Amino acid sequence: VHPIYTKANNTYFNSCYKKMEALRKEREAREQLLNKHISTCKRKVGILDREVENINRGFEELKNKKAKIAAEHGDQNVNEDDIIVINVGGKMITASRGTLTYQKGTMLEALFSGRWD
């Protein structure tokens, strides 16, 4: 084999080897960055999982408080189709709960919303 071919092959192989080394280092750097991102995501998922647990615990506490209040003061489950008979100055008036509570923020809505039933 002629020495010029050997030198050319060595130069070519060295060039290929250097490119492969550069690609390997780039891949390792990308893998390290990916692992860092995965670790960060797992940590944040853990934080979110704990927050969900806290929210669910708070929700359960509120449900228990609602049930306790309902037991002490009557159930709050009312229907807009409930028919309510009202004595207005000695005259009996019949209306649906939905009609009486239609306008939010009014005295009628407060009186007939079911909070006081």
PDB file of N, CA and C in Angstrom:
ATOM      1  N   VAL A   1       0.867  -1.170   0.000  1.00  0.00           N
ATOM      2  CA  VAL A   1       0.000   0.000   0.000  1.00  0.00           C
ATOM      3  C   VAL A   1       0.903   1.219   0.000  1.00  0.00           C
ATOM      4  N   HIS A   2       0.548   2.108  -0.872  1.00  0.00           N
ATOM      5  CA  HIS A   2       1.327   3.323  -1.022  1.00  0.00           C
ATOM      6  C   HIS A   2       1.156   4.205   0.223  1.00  0.00           C
ATOM      7  N   PRO A   3       2.243   4.811   0.730  1.00  0.00           N
ATOM      8  CA  PRO A   3       2.179   5.602   1.954  1.00  0.00           C
ATOM      9  C   PRO A   3       1.214   6.784   1.862  1.00  0.00           C
ATOM     10  N   ILE A   4       0.999   7.332   0.693  1.00  0.00           N
ATOM     11  CA  ILE A   4       0.087   8.474   0.549  1.00  0.00           C
ATOM     12  C   ILE A   4      -1.350   8.055   0.854  1.00  0.00           C
ATOM     13  N   TYR A   5      -1.711   6.799   0.456  1.00  0.00           N
ATOM     14  CA  TYR A   5      -3.043   6.307   0.763  1.00  0.00           C
ATOM     15  C   TYR A   5      -3.211   6.103   2.278  1.00  0.00           C
ATOM     16  N   THR A   6      -2.199   5.589   2.913  1.00  0.00           N
ATOM     17  CA  THR A   6      -2.250   5.355   4.347  1.00  0.00           C
ATOM     18  C   THR A   6      -2.397   6.675   5.089  1.00  0.00           C
ATOM     19  N   LYS A   7      -1.638   7.676   4.669  1.00  0.00           N
ATOM     20  CA  LYS A   7      -1.721   8.979   5.307  1.00  0.00           C
ATOM     21  C   LYS A   7      -3.097   9.593   5.085  1.00  0.00           C
ATOM     22  N   ALA A   8      -3.644   9.447   3.890  1.00  0.00           N
ATOM     23  CA  ALA A   8      -4.975   9.985   3.588  1.00  0.00           C
ATOM     24  C   ALA A   8      -6.025   9.270   4.429  1.00  0.00           C
ATOM     25  N   ASN A   9      -5.890   7.940   4.516  1.00  0.00           N
ATOM     26  CA  ASN A   9      -6.842   7.176   5.327  1.00  0.00           C
ATOM     27  C   ASN A   9      -6.749   7.569   6.796  1.00  0.00           C
ATOM     28  N   ASN A  10      -5.529   7.717   7.303  1.00  0.00           N
ATOM     29  CA  ASN A  10      -5.355   8.125   8.696  1.00  0.00           C
ATOM     30  C   ASN A  10      -5.978   9.494   8.951  1.00  0.00           C
ATOM     31  N   THR A  11      -5.759  10.424   8.014  1.00  0.00           N
ATOM     32  CA  THR A  11      -6.326  11.761   8.154  1.00  0.00           C
ATOM     33  C   THR A  11      -7.848  11.681   8.141  1.00  0.00           C
ATOM     34  N   TYR A  12      -8.393  10.899   7.232  1.00  0.00           N
ATOM     35  CA  TYR A  12      -9.843  10.744   7.121  1.00  0.00           C
ATOM     36  C   TYR A  12     -10.412  10.099   8.395  1.00  0.00           C
ATOM     37  N   PHE A  13      -9.753   9.022   8.851  1.00  0.00           N
ATOM     38  CA  PHE A  13     -10.220   8.342  10.054  1.00  0.00           C
ATOM     39  C   PHE A  13     -10.108   9.240  11.290  1.00  0.00           C
ATOM     40  N   ASN A  14      -9.021  10.000  11.378  1.00  0.00           N
ATOM     41  CA  ASN A  14      -8.877  10.932  12.503  1.00  0.00           C
ATOM     42  C   ASN A  14      -9.978  11.993  12.469  1.00  0.00           C
ATOM     43  N   SER A  15     -10.275  12.473  11.287  1.00  0.00           N
ATOM     44  CA  SER A  15     -11.339  13.467  11.137  1.00  0.00           C
ATOM     45  C   SER A  15     -12.688  12.868  11.554  1.00  0.00           C
ATOM     46  N   CYS A  16     -12.959  11.639  11.112  1.00  0.00           N
ATOM     47  CA  CYS A  16     -14.200  10.956  11.484  1.00  0.00           C
ATOM     48  C   CYS A  16     -14.249  10.709  12.985  1.00  0.00           C
ATOM     49  N   TYR A  17     -13.117  10.304  13.557  1.00  0.00           N
ATOM     50  CA  TYR A  17     -13.065  10.037  14.992  1.00  0.00           C
ATOM     51  C   TYR A  17     -13.358  11.311  15.782  1.00  0.00           C
ATOM     52  N   LYS A  18     -12.776  12.433  15.374  1.00  0.00           N
ATOM     53  CA  LYS A  18     -13.010  13.703  16.056  1.00  0.00           C
ATOM     54  C   LYS A  18     -14.474  14.116  15.955  1.00  0.00           C
ATOM     55  N   LYS A  19     -15.069  13.914  14.773  1.00  0.00           N
ATOM     56  CA  LYS A  19     -16.491  14.243  14.612  1.00  0.00           C
ATOM     57  C   LYS A  19     -17.356  13.348  15.497  1.00  0.00           C
ATOM     58  N   MET A  20     -17.009  12.075  15.550  1.00  0.00           N
ATOM     59  CA  MET A  20     -17.771  11.147  16.390  1.00  0.00           C
ATOM     60  C   MET A  20     -17.630  11.513  17.868  1.00  0.00           C
ATOM     61  N   GLU A  21     -16.451  11.902  18.290  1.00  0.00           N
ATOM     62  CA  GLU A  21     -16.231  12.320  19.683  1.00  0.00           C
ATOM     63  C   GLU A  21     -17.047  13.570  19.998  1.00  0.00           C
ATOM     64  N   ALA A  22     -17.062  14.510  19.061  1.00  0.00           N
ATOM     65  CA  ALA A  22     -17.835  15.736  19.262  1.00  0.00           C
ATOM     66  C   ALA A  22     -19.319  15.401  19.369  1.00  0.00           C
ATOM     67  N   LEU A  23     -19.815  14.510  18.511  1.00  0.00           N
ATOM     68  CA  LEU A  23     -21.213  14.093  18.561  1.00  0.00           C
ATOM     69  C   LEU A  23     -21.528  13.362  19.869  1.00  0.00           C
ATOM     70  N   ARG A  24     -20.601  12.520  20.328  1.00  0.00           N
ATOM     71  CA  ARG A  24     -20.803  11.805  21.581  1.00  0.00           C
ATOM     72  C   ARG A  24     -20.897  12.786  22.750  1.00  0.00           C
ATOM     73  N   LYS A  25     -20.027  13.782  22.779  1.00  0.00           N
ATOM     74  CA  LYS A  25     -20.051  14.774  23.849  1.00  0.00           C
ATOM     75  C   LYS A  25     -21.348  15.592  23.801  1.00  0.00           C
ATOM     76  N   GLU A  26     -21.792  15.944  22.593  1.00  0.00           N
ATOM     77  CA  GLU A  26     -23.056  16.667  22.454  1.00  0.00           C
ATOM     78  C   GLU A  26     -24.217  15.825  22.971  1.00  0.00           C
ATOM     79  N   ARG A  27     -24.215  14.524  22.615  1.00  0.00           N
ATOM     80  CA  ARG A  27     -25.267  13.624  23.082  1.00  0.00           C
ATOM     81  C   ARG A  27     -25.257  13.519  24.597  1.00  0.00           C
ATOM     82  N   GLU A  28     -24.086  13.392  25.197  1.00  0.00           N
ATOM     83  CA  GLU A  28     -23.984  13.313  26.647  1.00  0.00           C
ATOM     84  C   GLU A  28     -24.495  14.594  27.300  1.00  0.00           C
ATOM     85  N   ALA A  29     -24.156  15.730  26.717  1.00  0.00           N
ATOM     86  CA  ALA A  29     -24.629  17.009  27.255  1.00  0.00           C
ATOM     87  C   ALA A  29     -26.152  17.088  27.167  1.00  0.00           C
ATOM     88  N   ARG A  30     -26.724  16.659  26.034  1.00  0.00           N
ATOM     89  CA  ARG A  30     -28.189  16.659  25.881  1.00  0.00           C
ATOM     90  C   ARG A  30     -28.829  15.701  26.883  1.00  0.00           C
ATOM     91  N   GLU A  31     -28.229  14.534  27.091  1.00  0.00           N
ATOM     92  CA  GLU A  31     -28.758  13.570  28.050  1.00  0.00           C
ATOM     93  C   GLU A  31     -28.713  14.132  29.467  1.00  0.00           C
ATOM     94  N   GLN A  32     -27.628  14.821  29.826  1.00  0.00           N
ATOM     95  CA  GLN A  32     -27.533  15.434  31.151  1.00  0.00           C
ATOM     96  C   GLN A  32     -28.610  16.500  31.322  1.00  0.00           C
ATOM     97  N   LEU A  33     -28.807  17.313  30.286  1.00  0.00           N
ATOM     98  CA  LEU A  33     -29.830  18.358  30.340  1.00  0.00           C
ATOM     99  C   LEU A  33     -31.222  17.725  30.446  1.00  0.00           C
ATOM    100  N   LEU A  34     -31.461  16.682  29.671  1.00  0.00           N
ATOM    101  CA  LEU A  34     -32.745  15.981  29.733  1.00  0.00           C
ATOM    102  C   LEU A  34     -32.974  15.403  31.123  1.00  0.00           C
ATOM    103  N   ASN A  35     -31.963  14.763  31.692  1.00  0.00           N
ATOM    104  CA  ASN A  35     -32.088  14.204  33.039  1.00  0.00           C
ATOM    105  C   ASN A  35     -32.360  15.294  34.064  1.00  0.00           C
ATOM    106  N   LYS A  36     -31.724  16.453  33.889  1.00  0.00           N
ATOM    107  CA  LYS A  36     -31.969  17.578  34.788  1.00  0.00           C
ATOM    108  C   LYS A  36     -33.421  18.030  34.684  1.00  0.00           C
ATOM    109  N   HIS A  37     -33.938  18.138  33.448  1.00  0.00           N
ATOM    110  CA  HIS A  37     -35.335  18.534  33.243  1.00  0.00           C
ATOM    111  C   HIS A  37     -36.297  17.495  33.808  1.00  0.00           C
ATOM    112  N   ILE A  38     -35.990  16.238  33.619  1.00  0.00           N
ATOM    113  CA  ILE A  38     -36.842  15.167  34.152  1.00  0.00           C
ATOM    114  C   ILE A  38     -36.872  15.251  35.675  1.00  0.00           C
ATOM    115  N   SER A  39     -35.718  15.463  36.285  1.00  0.00           N
ATOM    116  CA  SER A  39     -35.644  15.579  37.741  1.00  0.00           C
ATOM    117  C   SER A  39     -36.463  16.770  38.231  1.00  0.00           C
ATOM    118  N   THR A  40     -36.354  17.896  37.549  1.00  0.00           N
ATOM    119  CA  THR A  40     -37.121  19.092  37.914  1.00  0.00           C
ATOM    120  C   THR A  40     -38.617  18.818  37.783  1.00  0.00           C
ATOM    121  N   CYS A  41     -39.015  18.166  36.703  1.00  0.00           N
ATOM    122  CA  CYS A  41     -40.435  17.850  36.495  1.00  0.00           C
ATOM    123  C   CYS A  41     -40.951  16.924  37.593  1.00  0.00           C
ATOM    124  N   LYS A  42     -40.174  15.920  37.956  1.00  0.00           N
ATOM    125  CA  LYS A  42     -40.592  14.991  39.009  1.00  0.00           C
ATOM    126  C   LYS A  42     -40.757  15.726  40.338  1.00  0.00           C
ATOM    127  N   ARG A  43     -39.840  16.650  40.615  1.00  0.00           N
ATOM    128  CA  ARG A  43     -39.927  17.422  41.858  1.00  0.00           C
ATOM    129  C   ARG A  43     -41.192  18.277  41.847  1.00  0.00           C
ATOM    130  N   LYS A  44     -41.480  18.918  40.720  1.00  0.00           N
ATOM    131  CA  LYS A  44     -42.672  19.763  40.625  1.00  0.00           C
ATOM    132  C   LYS A  44     -43.949  18.942  40.672  1.00  0.00           C
ATOM    133  N   VAL A  45     -43.938  17.757  40.088  1.00  0.00           N
ATOM    134  CA  VAL A  45     -45.099  16.870  40.165  1.00  0.00           C
ATOM    135  C   VAL A  45     -45.358  16.485  41.622  1.00  0.00           C
ATOM    136  N   GLY A  46     -44.287  16.233  42.367  1.00  0.00           N
ATOM    137  CA  GLY A  46     -44.436  15.917  43.786  1.00  0.00           C
ATOM    138  C   GLY A  46     -45.066  17.072  44.547  1.00  0.00           C
ATOM    139  N   ILE A  47     -44.625  18.290  44.241  1.00  0.00           N
ATOM    140  CA  ILE A  47     -45.205  19.479  44.884  1.00  0.00           C
ATOM    141  C   ILE A  47     -46.681  19.584  44.544  1.00  0.00           C
ATOM    142  N   LEU A  48     -47.017  19.405  43.271  1.00  0.00           N
ATOM    143  CA  LEU A  48     -48.424  19.484  42.845  1.00  0.00           C
ATOM    144  C   LEU A  48     -49.258  18.378  43.479  1.00  0.00           C
ATOM    145  N   ASP A  49     -48.700  17.188  43.590  1.00  0.00           N
ATOM    146  CA  ASP A  49     -49.432  16.090  44.237  1.00  0.00           C
ATOM    147  C   ASP A  49     -49.761  16.430  45.688  1.00  0.00           C
ATOM    148  N   ARG A  50     -48.801  17.027  46.389  1.00  0.00           N
ATOM    149  CA  ARG A  50     -49.064  17.425  47.778  1.00  0.00           C
ATOM    150  C   ARG A  50     -50.127  18.515  47.833  1.00  0.00           C
ATOM    151  N   GLU A  51     -50.103  19.445  46.888  1.00  0.00           N
ATOM    152  CA  GLU A  51     -51.122  20.495  46.848  1.00  0.00           C
ATOM    153  C   GLU A  51     -52.508  19.909  46.590  1.00  0.00           C
ATOM    154  N   VAL A  52     -52.583  18.930  45.687  1.00  0.00           N
ATOM    155  CA  VAL A  52     -53.864  18.268  45.409  1.00  0.00           C
ATOM    156  C   VAL A  52     -54.369  17.584  46.669  1.00  0.00           C
ATOM    157  N   GLU A  53     -53.477  16.920  47.397  1.00  0.00           N
ATOM    158  CA  GLU A  53     -53.873  16.274  48.652  1.00  0.00           C
ATOM    159  C   GLU A  53     -54.408  17.305  49.641  1.00  0.00           C
ATOM    160  N   ASN A  54     -53.733  18.452  49.756  1.00  0.00           N
ATOM    161  CA  ASN A  54     -54.186  19.508  50.667  1.00  0.00           C
ATOM    162  C   ASN A  54     -55.546  20.051  50.247  1.00  0.00           C
ATOM    163  N   ILE A  55     -55.734  20.254  48.961  1.00  0.00           N
ATOM    164  CA  ILE A  55     -57.017  20.758  48.455  1.00  0.00           C
ATOM    165  C   ILE A  55     -58.121  19.742  48.720  1.00  0.00           C
ATOM    166  N   ASN A  56     -57.848  18.479  48.450  1.00  0.00           N
ATOM    167  CA  ASN A  56     -58.852  17.430  48.697  1.00  0.00           C
ATOM    168  C   ASN A  56     -59.187  17.330  50.183  1.00  0.00           C
ATOM    169  N   ARG A  57     -58.175  17.452  51.032  1.00  0.00           N
ATOM    170  CA  ARG A  57     -58.408  17.416  52.475  1.00  0.00           C
ATOM    171  C   ARG A  57     -59.283  18.603  52.885  1.00  0.00           C
ATOM    172  N   GLY A  58     -58.975  19.797  52.355  1.00  0.00           N
ATOM    173  CA  GLY A  58     -59.780  20.981  52.648  1.00  0.00           C
ATOM    174  C   GLY A  58     -61.199  20.824  52.155  1.00  0.00           C
ATOM    175  N   PHE A  59     -61.362  20.233  50.969  1.00  0.00           N
ATOM    176  CA  PHE A  59     -62.694  20.004  50.414  1.00  0.00           C
ATOM    177  C   PHE A  59     -63.490  19.068  51.311  1.00  0.00           C
ATOM    178  N   GLU A  60     -62.853  18.019  51.784  1.00  0.00           N
ATOM    179  CA  GLU A  60     -63.528  17.079  52.686  1.00  0.00           C
ATOM    180  C   GLU A  60     -63.933  17.773  53.989  1.00  0.00           C
ATOM    181  N   GLU A  61     -63.055  18.633  54.501  1.00  0.00           N
ATOM    182  CA  GLU A  61     -63.386  19.377  55.719  1.00  0.00           C
ATOM    183  C   GLU A  61     -64.607  20.261  55.486  1.00  0.00           C
ATOM    184  N   LEU A  62     -64.653  20.928  54.327  1.00  0.00           N
ATOM    185  CA  LEU A  62     -65.802  21.774  54.011  1.00  0.00           C
ATOM    186  C   LEU A  62     -67.083  20.950  53.872  1.00  0.00           C
ATOM    187  N   LYS A  63     -66.986  19.779  53.231  1.00  0.00           N
ATOM    188  CA  LYS A  63     -68.164  18.919  53.112  1.00  0.00           C
ATOM    189  C   LYS A  63     -68.662  18.497  54.486  1.00  0.00           C
ATOM    190  N   ASN A  64     -67.725  18.166  55.381  1.00  0.00           N
ATOM    191  CA  ASN A  64     -68.116  17.766  56.736  1.00  0.00           C
ATOM    192  C   ASN A  64     -68.764  18.922  57.485  1.00  0.00           C
ATOM    193  N   LYS A  65     -68.206  20.128  57.326  1.00  0.00           N
ATOM    194  CA  LYS A  65     -68.800  21.302  57.974  1.00  0.00           C
ATOM    195  C   LYS A  65     -70.199  21.571  57.421  1.00  0.00           C
ATOM    196  N   LYS A  66     -70.351  21.429  56.113  1.00  0.00           N
ATOM    197  CA  LYS A  66     -71.659  21.645  55.488  1.00  0.00           C
ATOM    198  C   LYS A  66     -72.675  20.643  56.025  1.00  0.00           C
ATOM    199  N   ALA A  67     -72.267  19.381  56.128  1.00  0.00           N
ATOM    200  CA  ALA A  67     -73.171  18.355  56.647  1.00  0.00           C
ATOM    201  C   ALA A  67     -73.541  18.643  58.098  1.00  0.00           C
ATOM    202  N   LYS A  68     -72.558  19.105  58.885  1.00  0.00           N
ATOM    203  CA  LYS A  68     -72.815  19.426  60.287  1.00  0.00           C
ATOM    204  C   LYS A  68     -73.807  20.590  60.394  1.00  0.00           C
ATOM    205  N   ILE A  69     -73.606  21.627  59.595  1.00  0.00           N
ATOM    206  CA  ILE A  69     -74.515  22.777  59.607  1.00  0.00           C
ATOM    207  C   ILE A  69     -75.902  22.366  59.143  1.00  0.00           C
ATOM    208  N   ALA A  70     -75.961  21.524  58.098  1.00  0.00           N
ATOM    209  CA  ALA A  70     -77.257  21.052  57.611  1.00  0.00           C
ATOM    210  C   ALA A  70     -77.979  20.249  58.693  1.00  0.00           C
ATOM    211  N   ALA A  71     -77.224  19.449  59.445  1.00  0.00           N
ATOM    212  CA  ALA A  71     -77.838  18.655  60.514  1.00  0.00           C
ATOM    213  C   ALA A  71     -78.344  19.551  61.644  1.00  0.00           C
ATOM    214  N   GLU A  72     -77.611  20.624  61.919  1.00  0.00           N
ATOM    215  CA  GLU A  72     -78.003  21.528  63.008  1.00  0.00           C
ATOM    216  C   GLU A  72     -79.139  22.470  62.607  1.00  0.00           C
ATOM    217  N   HIS A  73     -79.137  22.914  61.349  1.00  0.00           N
ATOM    218  CA  HIS A  73     -80.061  23.976  60.937  1.00  0.00           C
ATOM    219  C   HIS A  73     -81.000  23.581  59.810  1.00  0.00           C
ATOM    220  N   GLY A  74     -81.028  22.337  59.445  1.00  0.00           N
ATOM    221  CA  GLY A  74     -81.888  21.895  58.352  1.00  0.00           C
ATOM    222  C   GLY A  74     -81.100  21.780  57.064  1.00  0.00           C
ATOM    223  N   ASP A  75     -81.567  20.908  56.192  1.00  0.00           N
ATOM    224  CA  ASP A  75     -80.880  20.633  54.930  1.00  0.00           C
ATOM    225  C   ASP A  75     -80.968  21.820  53.993  1.00  0.00           C
ATOM    226  N   GLN A  76     -79.905  22.058  53.228  1.00  0.00           N
ATOM    227  CA  GLN A  76     -79.836  23.186  52.301  1.00  0.00           C
ATOM    228  C   GLN A  76     -80.239  22.792  50.875  1.00  0.00           C
ATOM    229  N   ASN A  77     -80.634  21.555  50.666  1.00  0.00           N
ATOM    230  CA  ASN A  77     -80.987  21.111  49.318  1.00  0.00           C
ATOM    231  C   ASN A  77     -82.376  21.612  48.966  1.00  0.00           C
ATOM    232  N   VAL A  78     -82.422  22.680  48.198  1.00  0.00           N
ATOM    233  CA  VAL A  78     -83.696  23.264  47.784  1.00  0.00           C
ATOM    234  C   VAL A  78     -83.769  23.230  46.271  1.00  0.00           C
ATOM    235  N   ASN A  79     -84.983  23.342  45.760  1.00  0.00           N
ATOM    236  CA  ASN A  79     -85.214  23.261  44.333  1.00  0.00           C
ATOM    237  C   ASN A  79     -85.901  24.542  43.876  1.00  0.00           C
ATOM    238  N   GLU A  80     -85.508  25.055  42.730  1.00  0.00           N
ATOM    239  CA  GLU A  80     -86.129  26.265  42.203  1.00  0.00           C
ATOM    240  C   GLU A  80     -87.604  26.069  41.882  1.00  0.00           C
ATOM    241  N   ASP A  81     -88.005  24.823  41.692  1.00  0.00           N
ATOM    242  CA  ASP A  81     -89.409  24.533  41.375  1.00  0.00           C
ATOM    243  C   ASP A  81     -90.276  24.418  42.629  1.00  0.00           C
ATOM    244  N   ASP A  82     -89.677  24.531  43.820  1.00  0.00           N
ATOM    245  CA  ASP A  82     -90.461  24.486  45.057  1.00  0.00           C
ATOM    246  C   ASP A  82     -91.522  25.584  45.021  1.00  0.00           C
ATOM    247  N   ILE A  83     -92.732  25.233  45.416  1.00  0.00           N
ATOM    248  CA  ILE A  83     -93.820  26.212  45.506  1.00  0.00           C
ATOM    249  C   ILE A  83     -93.849  26.746  46.936  1.00  0.00           C
ATOM    250  N   ILE A  84     -93.818  28.054  47.050  1.00  0.00           N
ATOM    251  CA  ILE A  84     -93.793  28.700  48.349  1.00  0.00           C
ATOM    252  C   ILE A  84     -95.055  29.553  48.481  1.00  0.00           C
ATOM    253  N   VAL A  85     -95.713  29.410  49.631  1.00  0.00           N
ATOM    254  CA  VAL A  85     -96.907  30.201  49.924  1.00  0.00           C
ATOM    255  C   VAL A  85     -96.501  31.272  50.931  1.00  0.00           C
ATOM    256  N   ILE A  86     -96.763  32.542  50.568  1.00  0.00           N
ATOM    257  CA  ILE A  86     -96.345  33.667  51.399  1.00  0.00           C
ATOM    258  C   ILE A  86     -97.585  34.442  51.849  1.00  0.00           C
ATOM    259  N   ASN A  87     -97.605  34.792  53.117  1.00  0.00           N
ATOM    260  CA  ASN A  87     -98.677  35.624  53.652  1.00  0.00           C
ATOM    261  C   ASN A  87     -98.206  37.072  53.552  1.00  0.00           C
ATOM    262  N   VAL A  88     -98.806  37.822  52.630  1.00  0.00           N
ATOM    263  CA  VAL A  88     -98.435  39.221  52.419  1.00  0.00           C
ATOM    264  C   VAL A  88     -99.608  40.086  52.852  1.00  0.00           C
ATOM    265  N   GLY A  89     -99.500  40.668  54.044  1.00  0.00           N
ATOM    266  CA  GLY A  89    -100.565  41.540  54.552  1.00  0.00           C
ATOM    267  C   GLY A  89    -101.900  40.834  54.661  1.00  0.00           C
ATOM    268  N   GLY A  90    -101.882  39.556  55.020  1.00  0.00           N
ATOM    269  CA  GLY A  90    -103.105  38.802  55.175  1.00  0.00           C
ATOM    270  C   GLY A  90    -103.550  38.114  53.890  1.00  0.00           C
ATOM    271  N   LYS A  91    -102.906  38.420  52.780  1.00  0.00           N
ATOM    272  CA  LYS A  91    -103.268  37.785  51.506  1.00  0.00           C
ATOM    273  C   LYS A  91    -102.235  36.707  51.199  1.00  0.00           C
ATOM    274  N   MET A  92    -102.687  35.504  50.879  1.00  0.00           N
ATOM    275  CA  MET A  92    -101.790  34.387  50.583  1.00  0.00           C
ATOM    276  C   MET A  92    -101.380  34.445  49.108  1.00  0.00           C
ATOM    277  N   ILE A  93    -100.078  34.461  48.870  1.00  0.00           N
ATOM    278  CA  ILE A  93     -99.534  34.501  47.505  1.00  0.00           C
ATOM    279  C   ILE A  93     -98.689  33.244  47.302  1.00  0.00           C
ATOM    280  N   THR A  94     -98.869  32.613  46.125  1.00  0.00           N
ATOM    281  CA  THR A  94     -98.118  31.414  45.794  1.00  0.00           C
ATOM    282  C   THR A  94     -97.132  31.755  44.678  1.00  0.00           C
ATOM    283  N   ALA A  95     -95.871  31.339  44.856  1.00  0.00           N
ATOM    284  CA  ALA A  95     -94.841  31.588  43.841  1.00  0.00           C
ATOM    285  C   ALA A  95     -93.805  30.472  43.919  1.00  0.00           C
ATOM    286  N   SER A  96     -93.093  30.284  42.816  1.00  0.00           N
ATOM    287  CA  SER A  96     -92.016  29.288  42.849  1.00  0.00           C
ATOM    288  C   SER A  96     -90.778  29.926  43.469  1.00  0.00           C
ATOM    289  N   ARG A  97     -89.939  29.081  44.070  1.00  0.00           N
ATOM    290  CA  ARG A  97     -88.700  29.576  44.673  1.00  0.00           C
ATOM    291  C   ARG A  97     -87.831  30.231  43.603  1.00  0.00           C
ATOM    292  N   GLY A  98     -87.827  29.681  42.395  1.00  0.00           N
ATOM    293  CA  GLY A  98     -87.033  30.241  41.300  1.00  0.00           C
ATOM    294  C   GLY A  98     -87.444  31.662  40.961  1.00  0.00           C
ATOM    295  N   THR A  99     -88.749  31.931  40.999  1.00  0.00           N
ATOM    296  CA  THR A  99     -89.239  33.285  40.722  1.00  0.00           C
ATOM    297  C   THR A  99     -88.794  34.246  41.823  1.00  0.00           C
ATOM    298  N   LEU A 100     -88.899  33.810  43.058  1.00  0.00           N
ATOM    299  CA  LEU A 100     -88.553  34.675  44.184  1.00  0.00           C
ATOM    300  C   LEU A 100     -87.044  34.933  44.297  1.00  0.00           C
ATOM    301  N   THR A 101     -86.246  34.011  43.795  1.00  0.00           N
ATOM    302  CA  THR A 101     -84.788  34.157  43.910  1.00  0.00           C
ATOM    303  C   THR A 101     -84.126  34.503  42.584  1.00  0.00           C
ATOM    304  N   TYR A 102     -84.906  34.856  41.583  1.00  0.00           N
ATOM    305  CA  TYR A 102     -84.377  35.124  40.242  1.00  0.00           C
ATOM    306  C   TYR A 102     -83.359  36.265  40.261  1.00  0.00           C
ATOM    307  N   GLN A 103     -83.671  37.352  40.930  1.00  0.00           N
ATOM    308  CA  GLN A 103     -82.796  38.518  40.970  1.00  0.00           C
ATOM    309  C   GLN A 103     -81.798  38.341  42.119  1.00  0.00           C
ATOM    310  N   LYS A 104     -80.557  38.056  41.785  1.00  0.00           N
ATOM    311  CA  LYS A 104     -79.526  37.785  42.794  1.00  0.00           C
ATOM    312  C   LYS A 104     -79.162  39.059  43.557  1.00  0.00           C
ATOM    313  N   GLY A 105     -78.875  38.881  44.848  1.00  0.00           N
ATOM    314  CA  GLY A 105     -78.454  39.993  45.682  1.00  0.00           C
ATOM    315  C   GLY A 105     -79.601  40.795  46.278  1.00  0.00           C
ATOM    316  N   THR A 106     -80.840  40.362  46.040  1.00  0.00           N
ATOM    317  CA  THR A 106     -81.993  41.090  46.583  1.00  0.00           C
ATOM    318  C   THR A 106     -82.418  40.474  47.910  1.00  0.00           C
ATOM    319  N   MET A 107     -83.285  41.198  48.619  1.00  0.00           N
ATOM    320  CA  MET A 107     -83.814  40.705  49.893  1.00  0.00           C
ATOM    321  C   MET A 107     -84.637  39.437  49.673  1.00  0.00           C
ATOM    322  N   LEU A 108     -85.414  39.399  48.580  1.00  0.00           N
ATOM    323  CA  LEU A 108     -86.202  38.196  48.295  1.00  0.00           C
ATOM    324  C   LEU A 108     -85.291  36.990  48.066  1.00  0.00           C
ATOM    325  N   GLU A 109     -84.208  37.200  47.341  1.00  0.00           N
ATOM    326  CA  GLU A 109     -83.287  36.110  47.066  1.00  0.00           C
ATOM    327  C   GLU A 109     -82.690  35.612  48.387  1.00  0.00           C
ATOM    328  N   ALA A 110     -82.330  36.541  49.277  1.00  0.00           N
ATOM    329  CA  ALA A 110     -81.768  36.150  50.567  1.00  0.00           C
ATOM    330  C   ALA A 110     -82.796  35.394  51.412  1.00  0.00           C
ATOM    331  N   LEU A 111     -84.021  35.850  51.392  1.00  0.00           N
ATOM    332  CA  LEU A 111     -85.060  35.219  52.220  1.00  0.00           C
ATOM    333  C   LEU A 111     -85.447  33.824  51.746  1.00  0.00           C
ATOM    334  N   PHE A 112     -85.498  33.627  50.425  1.00  0.00           N
ATOM    335  CA  PHE A 112     -86.042  32.369  49.896  1.00  0.00           C
ATOM    336  C   PHE A 112     -85.021  31.482  49.199  1.00  0.00           C
ATOM    337  N   SER A 113     -83.733  31.764  49.389  1.00  0.00           N
ATOM    338  CA  SER A 113     -82.704  30.967  48.728  1.00  0.00           C
ATOM    339  C   SER A 113     -82.563  29.572  49.323  1.00  0.00           C
ATOM    340  N   GLY A 114     -83.127  29.369  50.496  1.00  0.00           N
ATOM    341  CA  GLY A 114     -83.011  28.067  51.155  1.00  0.00           C
ATOM    342  C   GLY A 114     -82.028  28.082  52.283  1.00  0.00           C
ATOM    343  N   ARG A 115     -81.300  29.178  52.430  1.00  0.00           N
ATOM    344  CA  ARG A 115     -80.324  29.252  53.515  1.00  0.00           C
ATOM    345  C   ARG A 115     -81.006  29.245  54.875  1.00  0.00           C
ATOM    346  N   TRP A 116     -82.266  29.675  54.927  1.00  0.00           N
ATOM    347  CA  TRP A 116     -82.948  29.811  56.216  1.00  0.00           C
ATOM    348  C   TRP A 116     -84.064  28.781  56.397  1.00  0.00           C
ATOM    349  N   ASP A 117     -84.223  27.892  55.406  1.00  0.00           N
ATOM    350  CA  ASP A 117     -85.293  26.883  55.523  1.00  0.00           C
ATOM    351  C   ASP A 117     -85.038  25.936  56.675  1.00  0.00           C
TER     352      ASP A 117
END
